[in-house]
Every structure is written in structure tokens, then in C-alpha cells.
């Protein structure tokens, strides 16, 4: 799901970028330089920093989904999970 979201976000950004930048550059084509990369890295780092802060401040309350082994019948050849 995360991969789909990232690909969709990049595709939408690329579409908007290719539509708007040629009108700003007077038809010279898209310019991807240091300022554009710097802004993208800055906001990406800001997002990861805020996400890390939120994850450390509010731990996940989801239940543990991994099955546990039942210790009641350890001699059976069939493994049971609770």
C-alpha cells in the first residue's frame, strides 16, 4: 500500500511539474537543479523527522498479530495456534 501511495504521489508531482515549469522557463524545458532537489530533501527530512517524533511519542496500539504456539499438547505432530 505504501509503494502504491509513493508511486502515485511521484506521478502526480511529475505531471504538475511538467505542465507548469515550461511556462515559467519560457519553453526551455524542465529544470531540475540544486534548489529543487534541496527543497525536496528538506521537506522529505522534515516529514521523516515529524513521523519519527510521532511514532516515539505515541506507540502503536495495534494488537500483536503473530500467532503463538500452544503449550498444552507438545507431543502432537500437529501444531496448533491460538
Foldseek 3Di string as FASTA:
>chain_A
DVVVVVVVVVVVVVVVQQVPQCVVVVNPGGDDDDVNVVVVVVVVVVVVVVVVVVCVVDPDPDDDPDWDWDPPCPPDPDTDTD
